Amino acid sequence: MSERERDLDAVEATLGRIQDLATDVRVDALVASDLTLQQLKVLMLAVYRAPLSAHDVATTLGVSAATVSGLVGRLVDHGLLRQEPAPGDRRVRHLRATDAGEAALDQVARFQVQHRRELLVRLTDTELAALRVGLTGVERAAREVRAAGQVAAAAPSTASSSSFSWLSDPGSAV
């Protein structure tokens, strides 16, 4: 095994341990929300993958059209989501988060951002500077992967608990 492969394995293992340590924060953030996990997923899709239709949501979440209809209806009733006619086909309705819907997601993210900041202020100056350099490289690599179209839209892999979800989601905890 090369030194690079050992470094890759060590970084993945460390990220996994950090993610495990931050689980409580993510759970607390989700439990504090008045929304169900499915409603949060629909809202996140409406914010980060707009424009999308109810059919797109059903396909992405692997649920029935009836399930999506109920989720969308409740989110619309609570003023968190709106439906707009698609420009090219008036029969299709695009789902978009309202300002209140984006604020609901921000509230969940705030827990995690606060926790991440609490961790970062505990680093030494040297550790913080090294992390800044390293994360700049991770950001560059993420942009390259996105530009190359290599980001999978499917469900996360179960091959490893050491995912980079906390890096790709600006509101999640370190």
C-alpha atoms as a PDB file:
ATOM      1  CA  MET A   1       0.000   0.000   0.000  1.00  0.00           C
ATOM      2  CA  SER A   2       1.383   3.400  -0.993  1.00  0.00           C
ATOM      3  CA  GLU A   3       1.742   6.312   1.412  1.00  0.00           C
ATOM      4  CA  ARG A   4      -1.047   8.109  -0.489  1.00  0.00           C
ATOM      5  CA  GLU A   5      -3.388   5.131  -0.016  1.00  0.00           C
ATOM      6  CA  ARG A   6      -2.548   5.038   3.706  1.00  0.00           C
ATOM      7  CA  ASP A   7      -3.258   8.771   3.927  1.00  0.00           C
ATOM      8  CA  LEU A   8      -6.561   8.351   2.093  1.00  0.00           C
ATOM      9  CA  ASP A   9      -7.596   5.542   4.456  1.00  0.00           C
ATOM     10  CA  ALA A  10      -6.537   7.560   7.526  1.00  0.00           C
ATOM     11  CA  VAL A  11      -8.445  10.658   6.382  1.00  0.00           C
ATOM     12  CA  GLU A  12     -11.574   8.604   5.627  1.00  0.00           C
ATOM     13  CA  ALA A  13     -11.362   6.924   9.032  1.00  0.00           C
ATOM     14  CA  THR A  14     -10.971  10.292  10.762  1.00  0.00           C
ATOM     15  CA  LEU A  15     -13.899  11.777   8.852  1.00  0.00           C
ATOM     16  CA  GLY A  16     -16.008   8.783   9.858  1.00  0.00           C
ATOM     17  CA  ARG A  17     -15.136   9.273  13.530  1.00  0.00           C
ATOM     18  CA  ILE A  18     -15.925  12.995  13.302  1.00  0.00           C
ATOM     19  CA  GLN A  19     -19.239  12.237  11.634  1.00  0.00           C
ATOM     20  CA  ASP A  20     -20.080   9.733  14.373  1.00  0.00           C
ATOM     21  CA  LEU A  21     -19.231  12.310  17.056  1.00  0.00           C
ATOM     22  CA  ALA A  22     -21.510  14.874  15.381  1.00  0.00           C
ATOM     23  CA  THR A  23     -24.515  12.544  15.134  1.00  0.00           C
ATOM     24  CA  ASP A  24     -26.096  13.935  18.308  1.00  0.00           C
ATOM     25  CA  VAL A  25     -26.066  17.435  16.844  1.00  0.00           C
ATOM     26  CA  ARG A  26     -27.750  16.282  13.632  1.00  0.00           C
ATOM     27  CA  VAL A  27     -30.360  14.333  15.591  1.00  0.00           C
ATOM     28  CA  ASP A  28     -31.055  17.310  17.878  1.00  0.00           C
ATOM     29  CA  ALA A  29     -31.450  19.587  14.851  1.00  0.00           C
ATOM     30  CA  LEU A  30     -33.937  17.238  13.205  1.00  0.00           C
ATOM     31  CA  VAL A  31     -35.906  16.562  16.378  1.00  0.00           C
ATOM     32  CA  ALA A  32     -36.217  20.307  17.070  1.00  0.00           C
ATOM     33  CA  SER A  33     -37.922  20.801  13.702  1.00  0.00           C
ATOM     34  CA  ASP A  34     -41.701  20.655  13.422  1.00  0.00           C
ATOM     35  CA  LEU A  35     -41.319  18.914  10.058  1.00  0.00           C
ATOM     36  CA  THR A  36     -41.107  15.200   9.378  1.00  0.00           C
ATOM     37  CA  LEU A  37     -38.000  13.785   7.717  1.00  0.00           C
ATOM     38  CA  GLN A  38     -39.932  13.282   4.473  1.00  0.00           C
ATOM     39  CA  GLN A  39     -41.156  16.879   4.544  1.00  0.00           C
ATOM     40  CA  LEU A  40     -37.588  18.083   5.143  1.00  0.00           C
ATOM     41  CA  LYS A  41     -36.422  16.010   2.173  1.00  0.00           C
ATOM     42  CA  VAL A  42     -39.064  17.529  -0.106  1.00  0.00           C
ATOM     43  CA  LEU A  43     -38.169  21.014   1.104  1.00  0.00           C
ATOM     44  CA  MET A  44     -34.454  20.379   0.560  1.00  0.00           C
ATOM     45  CA  LEU A  45     -35.117  19.160  -2.971  1.00  0.00           C
ATOM     46  CA  ALA A  46     -37.223  22.262  -3.646  1.00  0.00           C
ATOM     47  CA  VAL A  47     -34.368  24.490  -2.467  1.00  0.00           C
ATOM     48  CA  TYR A  48     -31.335  22.698  -3.878  1.00  0.00           C
ATOM     49  CA  ARG A  49     -32.693  21.032  -7.008  1.00  0.00           C
ATOM     50  CA  ALA A  50     -35.313  23.497  -8.209  1.00  0.00           C
ATOM     51  CA  PRO A  51     -37.095  23.533 -10.492  1.00  0.00           C
ATOM     52  CA  LEU A  52     -38.571  20.099  -9.976  1.00  0.00           C
ATOM     53  CA  SER A  53     -41.975  18.486 -10.257  1.00  0.00           C
ATOM     54  CA  ALA A  54     -43.841  16.189  -7.901  1.00  0.00           C
ATOM     55  CA  HIS A  55     -42.911  13.364 -10.272  1.00  0.00           C
ATOM     56  CA  ASP A  56     -39.228  14.258  -9.838  1.00  0.00           C
ATOM     57  CA  VAL A  57     -39.649  14.167  -6.058  1.00  0.00           C
ATOM     58  CA  ALA A  58     -41.387  10.773  -6.189  1.00  0.00           C
ATOM     59  CA  THR A  59     -38.623   9.358  -8.360  1.00  0.00           C
ATOM     60  CA  THR A  60     -35.835  10.811  -6.213  1.00  0.00           C
ATOM     61  CA  LEU A  61     -37.353   9.656  -2.907  1.00  0.00           C
ATOM     62  CA  GLY A  62     -38.627   6.337  -4.273  1.00  0.00           C
ATOM     63  CA  VAL A  63     -42.178   6.945  -3.081  1.00  0.00           C
ATOM     64  CA  SER A  64     -45.573   6.988  -4.756  1.00  0.00           C
ATOM     65  CA  ALA A  65     -47.212   9.998  -6.362  1.00  0.00           C
ATOM     66  CA  ALA A  66     -49.897   9.827  -3.660  1.00  0.00           C
ATOM     67  CA  THR A  67     -47.264  10.099  -0.926  1.00  0.00           C
ATOM     68  CA  VAL A  68     -45.686  13.119  -2.613  1.00  0.00           C
ATOM     69  CA  SER A  69     -49.099  14.699  -3.094  1.00  0.00           C
ATOM     70  CA  GLY A  70     -49.751  14.482   0.650  1.00  0.00           C
ATOM     71  CA  LEU A  71     -46.305  15.824   1.543  1.00  0.00           C
ATOM     72  CA  VAL A  72     -46.570  18.696  -0.915  1.00  0.00           C
ATOM     73  CA  GLY A  73     -50.104  19.509   0.236  1.00  0.00           C
ATOM     74  CA  ARG A  74     -49.043  19.791   3.876  1.00  0.00           C
ATOM     75  CA  LEU A  75     -46.007  21.931   3.007  1.00  0.00           C
ATOM     76  CA  VAL A  76     -48.145  24.220   0.820  1.00  0.00           C
ATOM     77  CA  ASP A  77     -50.787  24.459   3.592  1.00  0.00           C
ATOM     78  CA  HIS A  78     -48.085  25.559   6.033  1.00  0.00           C
ATOM     79  CA  GLY A  79     -46.727  28.168   3.611  1.00  0.00           C
ATOM     80  CA  LEU A  80     -43.372  26.418   3.189  1.00  0.00           C
ATOM     81  CA  LEU A  81     -43.743  25.379  -0.453  1.00  0.00           C
ATOM     82  CA  ARG A  82     -45.485  26.772  -3.497  1.00  0.00           C
ATOM     83  CA  GLN A  83     -46.459  25.224  -6.817  1.00  0.00           C
ATOM     84  CA  GLU A  84     -45.927  27.155 -10.034  1.00  0.00           C
ATOM     85  CA  PRO A  85     -46.845  26.235 -13.598  1.00  0.00           C
ATOM     86  CA  ALA A  86     -43.804  25.013 -15.547  1.00  0.00           C
ATOM     87  CA  PRO A  87     -42.917  27.487 -18.316  1.00  0.00           C
ATOM     88  CA  GLY A  88     -42.863  24.880 -21.080  1.00  0.00           C
ATOM     89  CA  ASP A  89     -45.882  22.825 -19.974  1.00  0.00           C
ATOM     90  CA  ARG A  90     -48.702  24.380 -17.985  1.00  0.00           C
ATOM     91  CA  ARG A  91     -49.873  20.891 -16.916  1.00  0.00           C
ATOM     92  CA  VAL A  92     -46.669  20.394 -14.913  1.00  0.00           C
ATOM     93  CA  ARG A  93     -46.303  22.213 -11.600  1.00  0.00           C
ATOM     94  CA  HIS A  94     -42.836  23.116 -10.325  1.00  0.00           C
ATOM     95  CA  LEU A  95     -42.252  23.028  -6.600  1.00  0.00           C
ATOM     96  CA  ARG A  96     -40.390  25.918  -5.010  1.00  0.00           C
ATOM     97  CA  ALA A  97     -39.663  26.648  -1.385  1.00  0.00           C
ATOM     98  CA  THR A  98     -41.097  29.873  -0.008  1.00  0.00           C
ATOM     99  CA  ASP A  99     -39.050  32.223   2.144  1.00  0.00           C
ATOM    100  CA  ALA A 100     -40.629  30.516   5.172  1.00  0.00           C
ATOM    101  CA  GLY A 101     -39.590  27.121   3.778  1.00  0.00           C
ATOM    102  CA  GLU A 102     -36.002  28.262   3.358  1.00  0.00           C
ATOM    103  CA  ALA A 103     -36.098  29.684   6.898  1.00  0.00           C
ATOM    104  CA  ALA A 104     -37.262  26.284   8.213  1.00  0.00           C
ATOM    105  CA  LEU A 105     -34.240  24.619   6.605  1.00  0.00           C
ATOM    106  CA  ASP A 106     -31.980  27.374   7.936  1.00  0.00           C
ATOM    107  CA  GLN A 107     -33.259  26.676  11.443  1.00  0.00           C
ATOM    108  CA  VAL A 108     -32.204  23.027  11.158  1.00  0.00           C
ATOM    109  CA  ALA A 109     -28.832  24.051   9.731  1.00  0.00           C
ATOM    110  CA  ARG A 110     -28.204  26.628  12.459  1.00  0.00           C
ATOM    111  CA  PHE A 111     -27.769  23.906  15.090  1.00  0.00           C
ATOM    112  CA  GLN A 112     -25.065  22.299  13.029  1.00  0.00           C
ATOM    113  CA  VAL A 113     -23.296  25.517  12.044  1.00  0.00           C
ATOM    114  CA  GLN A 114     -23.077  26.534  15.698  1.00  0.00           C
ATOM    115  CA  HIS A 115     -21.600  23.137  16.601  1.00  0.00           C
ATOM    116  CA  ARG A 116     -19.061  23.333  13.772  1.00  0.00           C
ATOM    117  CA  ARG A 117     -17.938  26.766  14.967  1.00  0.00           C
ATOM    118  CA  GLU A 118     -17.542  25.437  18.530  1.00  0.00           C
ATOM    119  CA  LEU A 119     -15.197  22.781  17.176  1.00  0.00           C
ATOM    120  CA  LEU A 120     -13.173  25.143  15.010  1.00  0.00           C
ATOM    121  CA  VAL A 121     -12.466  27.656  17.791  1.00  0.00           C
ATOM    122  CA  ARG A 122     -10.868  24.834  19.804  1.00  0.00           C
ATOM    123  CA  LEU A 123      -8.194  24.224  17.146  1.00  0.00           C
ATOM    124  CA  THR A 124      -4.711  25.643  17.559  1.00  0.00           C
ATOM    125  CA  ASP A 125      -3.639  28.314  15.070  1.00  0.00           C
ATOM    126  CA  THR A 126      -1.462  25.750  13.293  1.00  0.00           C
ATOM    127  CA  GLU A 127      -4.306  23.184  13.089  1.00  0.00           C
ATOM    128  CA  LEU A 128      -6.734  25.812  11.824  1.00  0.00           C
ATOM    129  CA  ALA A 129      -4.322  27.003   9.117  1.00  0.00           C
ATOM    130  CA  ALA A 130      -3.657  23.420   7.981  1.00  0.00           C
ATOM    131  CA  LEU A 131      -7.382  22.659   7.939  1.00  0.00           C
ATOM    132  CA  ARG A 132      -8.044  25.775   5.848  1.00  0.00           C
ATOM    133  CA  VAL A 133      -5.498  24.623   3.268  1.00  0.00           C
ATOM    134  CA  GLY A 134      -6.804  21.062   3.280  1.00  0.00           C
ATOM    135  CA  LEU A 135     -10.456  22.054   2.986  1.00  0.00           C
ATOM    136  CA  THR A 136      -9.618  24.422   0.146  1.00  0.00           C
ATOM    137  CA  GLY A 137      -8.262  21.375  -1.676  1.00  0.00           C
ATOM    138  CA  VAL A 138     -11.383  19.355  -0.862  1.00  0.00           C
ATOM    139  CA  GLU A 139     -13.540  22.210  -2.186  1.00  0.00           C
ATOM    140  CA  ARG A 140     -11.490  22.297  -5.403  1.00  0.00           C
ATOM    141  CA  ALA A 141     -11.883  18.542  -5.836  1.00  0.00           C
ATOM    142  CA  ALA A 142     -15.639  18.771  -5.173  1.00  0.00           C
ATOM    143  CA  ARG A 143     -15.974  21.460  -7.839  1.00  0.00           C
ATOM    144  CA  GLU A 144     -14.014  19.298 -10.291  1.00  0.00           C
ATOM    145  CA  VAL A 145     -16.225  16.297  -9.593  1.00  0.00           C
ATOM    146  CA  ARG A 146     -19.375  18.397  -9.992  1.00  0.00           C
ATOM    147  CA  ALA A 147     -18.102  19.947 -13.243  1.00  0.00           C
ATOM    148  CA  ALA A 148     -17.324  16.491 -14.594  1.00  0.00           C
ATOM    149  CA  GLY A 149     -20.860  15.351 -13.770  1.00  0.00           C
ATOM    150  CA  GLN A 150     -19.586  12.606 -11.509  1.00  0.00           C
ATOM    151  CA  VAL A 151     -21.842  13.361  -8.538  1.00  0.00           C
ATOM    152  CA  ALA A 152     -24.335  10.555  -8.122  1.00  0.00           C
ATOM    153  CA  ALA A 153     -27.940  11.632  -7.641  1.00  0.00           C
ATOM    154  CA  ALA A 154     -28.825   8.249  -6.168  1.00  0.00           C
ATOM    155  CA  ALA A 155     -29.014   7.374  -2.497  1.00  0.00           C
ATOM    156  CA  PRO A 156     -25.726   7.506  -0.595  1.00  0.00           C
ATOM    157  CA  SER A 157     -23.569   4.412  -0.723  1.00  0.00           C
ATOM    158  CA  THR A 158     -23.628   2.131   2.286  1.00  0.00           C
ATOM    159  CA  ALA A 159     -20.092   0.962   1.562  1.00  0.00           C
ATOM    160  CA  SER A 160     -18.580   3.334   4.106  1.00  0.00           C
ATOM    161  CA  SER A 161     -19.819   5.409   7.004  1.00  0.00           C
ATOM    162  CA  SER A 162     -17.111   7.934   6.196  1.00  0.00           C
ATOM    163  CA  SER A 163     -19.074  10.074   3.776  1.00  0.00           C
ATOM    164  CA  PHE A 164     -18.378  13.684   2.918  1.00  0.00           C
ATOM    165  CA  SER A 165     -21.997  14.737   3.566  1.00  0.00           C
ATOM    166  CA  TRP A 166     -20.890  17.271   6.162  1.00  0.00           C
ATOM    167  CA  LEU A 167     -18.711  18.931   3.528  1.00  0.00           C
ATOM    168  CA  SER A 168     -21.279  19.062   0.765  1.00  0.00           C
ATOM    169  CA  ASP A 169     -24.106  20.355   2.950  1.00  0.00           C
ATOM    170  CA  PRO A 170     -23.294  23.864   4.100  1.00  0.00           C
ATOM    171  CA  GLY A 171     -25.627  23.493   7.035  1.00  0.00           C
ATOM    172  CA  SER A 172     -24.427  20.211   8.466  1.00  0.00           C
ATOM    173  CA  ALA A 173     -22.055  19.651  11.330  1.00  0.00           C
ATOM    174  CA  VAL A 174     -18.391  18.742  11.273  1.00  0.00           C
END
